[in-house]
Amino acid sequence: VDAAFSLEPHELKSLVTETERAWQALGGVCYGGTQAEDKAKQYRRSIYVSKDIKPGEALGPHNLKIVRPAFGLAPAHWDSVQQKTAKTALPKGTALKWEHIG
């Protein structure tokens, strides 16, 4: 009864091969950046010191800015650093990092 739509051996082999190719084409999930993107990271933005900051001085929009290149904290941390204090003196143009914040 099923002879009209049954696969011949060479057709089954082709089905298996093409199914495997389709499975491989799905690929895998890779979270985070790739090595190819590492160079491009410098063109992102980060938090920088816009005015000289003395040790113990409060951080805020009056002495911080978000600019390029991305060698400091990501802009996503902007609210987290507001009203924190500087551990050390930070000259203008310093890329803000967690070790600078008290």
Protein backbone atom coordinates (compact mmCIF):
# COMPACT_ATOMS: atom_id res chain seq x y z
CA VAL A 1 0.00 0.00 0.00
CA ASP A 2 2.83 2.41 0.81
CA ALA A 3 4.98 1.50 -2.21
CA ALA A 4 4.01 4.70 -4.07
CA PHE A 5 5.65 7.01 -1.53
CA SER A 6 8.34 4.79 0.05
CA LEU A 7 11.97 5.87 -0.34
CA GLU A 8 14.47 3.90 -2.33
CA PRO A 9 17.87 3.30 -0.62
CA HIS A 10 19.63 6.07 -2.59
CA GLU A 11 16.76 8.49 -1.74
CA LEU A 12 17.07 7.63 1.96
CA LYS A 13 20.81 8.26 1.82
CA SER A 14 20.15 11.65 0.22
CA LEU A 15 17.54 12.47 2.89
CA VAL A 16 20.02 11.66 5.69
CA THR A 17 22.77 13.76 4.05
CA GLU A 18 20.54 16.78 3.50
CA THR A 19 19.08 16.52 7.02
CA GLU A 20 22.60 16.58 8.46
CA ARG A 21 23.48 19.63 6.34
CA ALA A 22 20.35 21.43 7.53
CA TRP A 23 21.24 20.64 11.17
CA GLN A 24 24.77 22.00 10.69
CA ALA A 25 23.42 25.14 9.00
CA LEU A 26 21.50 26.03 12.15
CA GLY A 27 24.83 26.75 13.86
CA GLY A 28 25.21 27.45 17.55
CA VAL A 29 24.56 30.34 19.89
CA CYS A 30 27.59 32.40 20.89
CA TYR A 31 26.98 35.02 23.57
CA GLY A 32 29.24 38.04 23.92
CA GLY A 33 31.52 39.55 21.35
CA THR A 34 33.78 37.80 18.91
CA GLN A 35 37.47 38.36 18.31
CA ALA A 36 36.59 40.18 15.11
CA GLU A 37 34.61 42.74 17.16
CA ASP A 38 37.42 43.50 19.64
CA LYS A 39 38.97 46.22 17.44
CA ALA A 40 35.58 47.87 16.94
CA LYS A 41 34.98 48.16 20.71
CA GLN A 42 37.16 51.25 20.83
CA TYR A 43 34.56 53.10 18.77
CA ARG A 44 31.93 52.66 21.47
CA ARG A 45 31.42 55.20 24.23
CA SER A 46 32.46 55.17 27.88
CA ILE A 47 32.56 57.45 30.93
CA TYR A 48 35.45 59.92 31.10
CA VAL A 49 36.52 62.62 33.55
CA SER A 50 35.71 66.04 32.02
CA LYS A 51 37.24 68.21 34.80
CA ASP A 52 40.06 67.53 37.25
CA ILE A 53 38.72 65.67 40.29
CA LYS A 54 40.28 65.76 43.75
CA PRO A 55 40.31 62.73 46.08
CA GLY A 56 36.96 62.45 47.90
CA GLU A 57 35.15 64.72 45.45
CA ALA A 58 31.67 63.64 44.34
CA LEU A 59 31.24 62.35 40.80
CA GLY A 60 28.42 63.64 38.63
CA PRO A 61 27.46 65.29 35.36
CA HIS A 62 29.48 68.37 36.32
CA ASN A 63 32.78 66.45 36.09
CA LEU A 64 31.99 63.35 33.97
CA LYS A 65 31.02 62.86 30.32
CA ILE A 66 30.21 59.96 28.02
CA VAL A 67 32.54 60.05 25.01
CA ARG A 68 34.60 57.83 22.72
CA PRO A 69 36.76 55.66 22.89
CA ALA A 70 35.45 52.90 25.12
CA PHE A 71 38.40 52.39 27.45
CA GLY A 72 36.44 53.15 30.64
CA LEU A 73 33.14 52.17 32.23
CA ALA A 74 30.23 51.59 29.88
CA PRO A 75 27.49 54.25 29.75
CA ALA A 76 25.13 51.69 31.32
CA HIS A 77 26.93 52.40 34.63
CA TRP A 78 26.23 56.17 34.48
CA ASP A 79 23.54 56.11 37.19
CA SER A 80 25.68 53.83 39.39
CA VAL A 81 28.61 56.27 39.55
CA GLN A 82 26.58 59.40 40.25
CA GLN A 83 27.32 60.88 43.71
CA LYS A 84 30.06 58.31 44.38
CA THR A 85 33.42 59.74 45.43
CA ALA A 86 36.82 59.55 43.80
CA LYS A 87 39.48 57.46 45.62
CA THR A 88 42.37 59.35 44.06
CA ALA A 89 42.97 62.50 42.06
CA LEU A 90 41.66 62.06 38.53
CA PRO A 91 42.96 64.38 35.83
CA LYS A 92 40.74 65.54 32.99
CA GLY A 93 40.60 62.95 30.20
CA THR A 94 40.91 59.88 32.43
CA ALA A 95 38.76 56.90 31.47
CA LEU A 96 36.72 56.17 34.60
CA LYS A 97 37.15 52.67 36.05
CA TRP A 98 35.77 50.94 39.12
CA GLU A 99 39.11 51.24 40.94
CA HIS A 100 38.81 55.05 40.78
CA ILE A 101 35.50 55.05 42.68
CA GLY A 102 35.31 55.01 46.48
